[in-house]
Amino acid sequence: MSGDRKNKTLTIKGRLVLKTFARTTKSESLGVYIETEDGSFLIRPAGGNPFADNPLAKLAGKYIEATGRKSDYVFFARSWHEVPEPGN
């Protein structure tokens, strides 16, 4: 994957859920994931401390639209806002 493509800004929509991250390792913790039509990704604020509380956790169960970049299994959100649940 080229550098340009890897850093491409994306906008995604999905439901936030809390799931165990890195199960059975020293890094096991509760992670915030966004479940989209294209898969499930760990999501956290871009430029934020990965070990600090994730402000997106308070939106668990809600649908959001987020803009940022994806790197492997993590979506680094620069901005986000709540959106209506699909079908409502």
Protein backbone atom coordinates (compact mmCIF):
# COMPACT_ATOMS: atom_id res chain seq x y z
CA MET A 1 0.00 0.00 0.00
CA SER A 2 1.45 3.33 -0.99
CA GLY A 3 1.96 6.14 1.51
CA ASP A 4 -0.68 8.31 -0.22
CA ARG A 5 -3.30 5.61 0.01
CA LYS A 6 -2.44 4.70 3.59
CA ASN A 7 -2.99 8.28 4.80
CA LYS A 8 -6.15 8.89 2.76
CA THR A 9 -8.91 10.67 4.68
CA LEU A 10 -12.05 8.54 4.94
CA THR A 11 -15.55 9.09 6.27
CA ILE A 12 -17.21 6.03 7.79
CA LYS A 13 -20.52 5.32 9.50
CA GLY A 14 -21.25 2.64 12.04
CA ARG A 15 -22.28 1.61 15.52
CA LEU A 16 -19.87 1.94 18.43
CA VAL A 17 -19.42 -1.11 20.66
CA LEU A 18 -17.15 -1.94 23.58
CA LYS A 19 -15.15 -5.17 23.20
CA THR A 20 -12.09 -6.70 24.78
CA PHE A 21 -8.92 -5.77 22.93
CA ALA A 22 -5.74 -7.92 23.00
CA ARG A 23 -7.40 -10.71 24.98
CA THR A 24 -5.04 -12.90 27.08
CA THR A 25 -2.12 -10.46 26.80
CA LYS A 26 -0.64 -7.88 29.17
CA SER A 27 -2.31 -5.25 27.00
CA GLU A 28 -5.83 -6.66 27.45
CA SER A 29 -8.27 -3.79 27.85
CA LEU A 30 -11.73 -2.63 26.89
CA GLY A 31 -11.59 -1.14 23.40
CA VAL A 32 -14.03 1.00 21.47
CA TYR A 33 -14.86 -0.46 18.07
CA ILE A 34 -16.91 0.87 15.19
CA GLU A 35 -18.92 -1.77 13.34
CA THR A 36 -19.42 -0.76 9.72
CA GLU A 37 -20.66 -2.50 6.58
CA ASP A 38 -16.97 -3.09 5.72
CA GLY A 39 -15.97 -4.61 9.06
CA SER A 40 -15.15 -3.79 12.65
CA PHE A 41 -12.30 -1.43 13.54
CA LEU A 42 -10.78 -0.23 16.78
CA ILE A 43 -11.49 3.51 16.85
CA ARG A 44 -9.77 6.25 18.79
CA PRO A 45 -9.11 9.97 18.42
CA ALA A 46 -6.25 10.83 16.07
CA GLY A 47 -3.21 12.11 17.93
CA GLY A 48 -4.61 11.01 21.27
CA ASN A 49 -2.86 8.95 23.92
CA PRO A 50 -3.72 5.28 23.19
CA PHE A 51 -3.57 4.51 26.93
CA ALA A 52 -5.89 7.34 28.03
CA ASP A 53 -9.65 6.98 28.37
CA ASN A 54 -11.27 7.01 24.95
CA PRO A 55 -13.92 9.79 24.76
CA LEU A 56 -15.84 7.69 22.21
CA ALA A 57 -16.63 5.08 24.89
CA LYS A 58 -19.49 7.24 26.20
CA LEU A 59 -21.17 6.84 22.79
CA ALA A 60 -21.22 3.02 22.93
CA GLY A 61 -24.38 1.67 21.32
CA LYS A 62 -24.85 4.83 19.24
CA TYR A 63 -24.31 5.32 15.52
CA ILE A 64 -21.70 7.84 14.43
CA GLU A 65 -20.12 9.25 11.32
CA ALA A 66 -16.37 9.72 11.69
CA THR A 67 -13.72 11.28 9.49
CA GLY A 68 -10.09 10.24 9.75
CA ARG A 69 -7.70 7.59 8.51
CA LYS A 70 -7.47 3.84 8.77
CA SER A 71 -4.25 2.01 9.54
CA ASP A 72 -4.50 -1.78 9.66
CA TYR A 73 -7.23 -2.49 12.24
CA VAL A 74 -7.41 1.02 13.83
CA PHE A 75 -9.45 4.00 12.65
CA PHE A 76 -7.92 7.29 13.84
CA ALA A 77 -10.86 9.71 14.02
CA ARG A 78 -10.20 13.42 13.56
CA SER A 79 -13.87 14.29 13.96
CA TRP A 80 -17.12 12.48 14.67
CA HIS A 81 -20.77 13.12 15.34
CA GLU A 82 -23.79 11.05 16.23
CA VAL A 83 -26.18 10.09 13.40
CA PRO A 84 -29.60 8.42 13.42
CA GLU A 85 -29.70 4.64 13.45
CA PRO A 86 -30.13 3.30 9.90
CA GLY A 87 -33.77 2.70 9.08
CA ASN A 88 -35.07 5.34 11.49
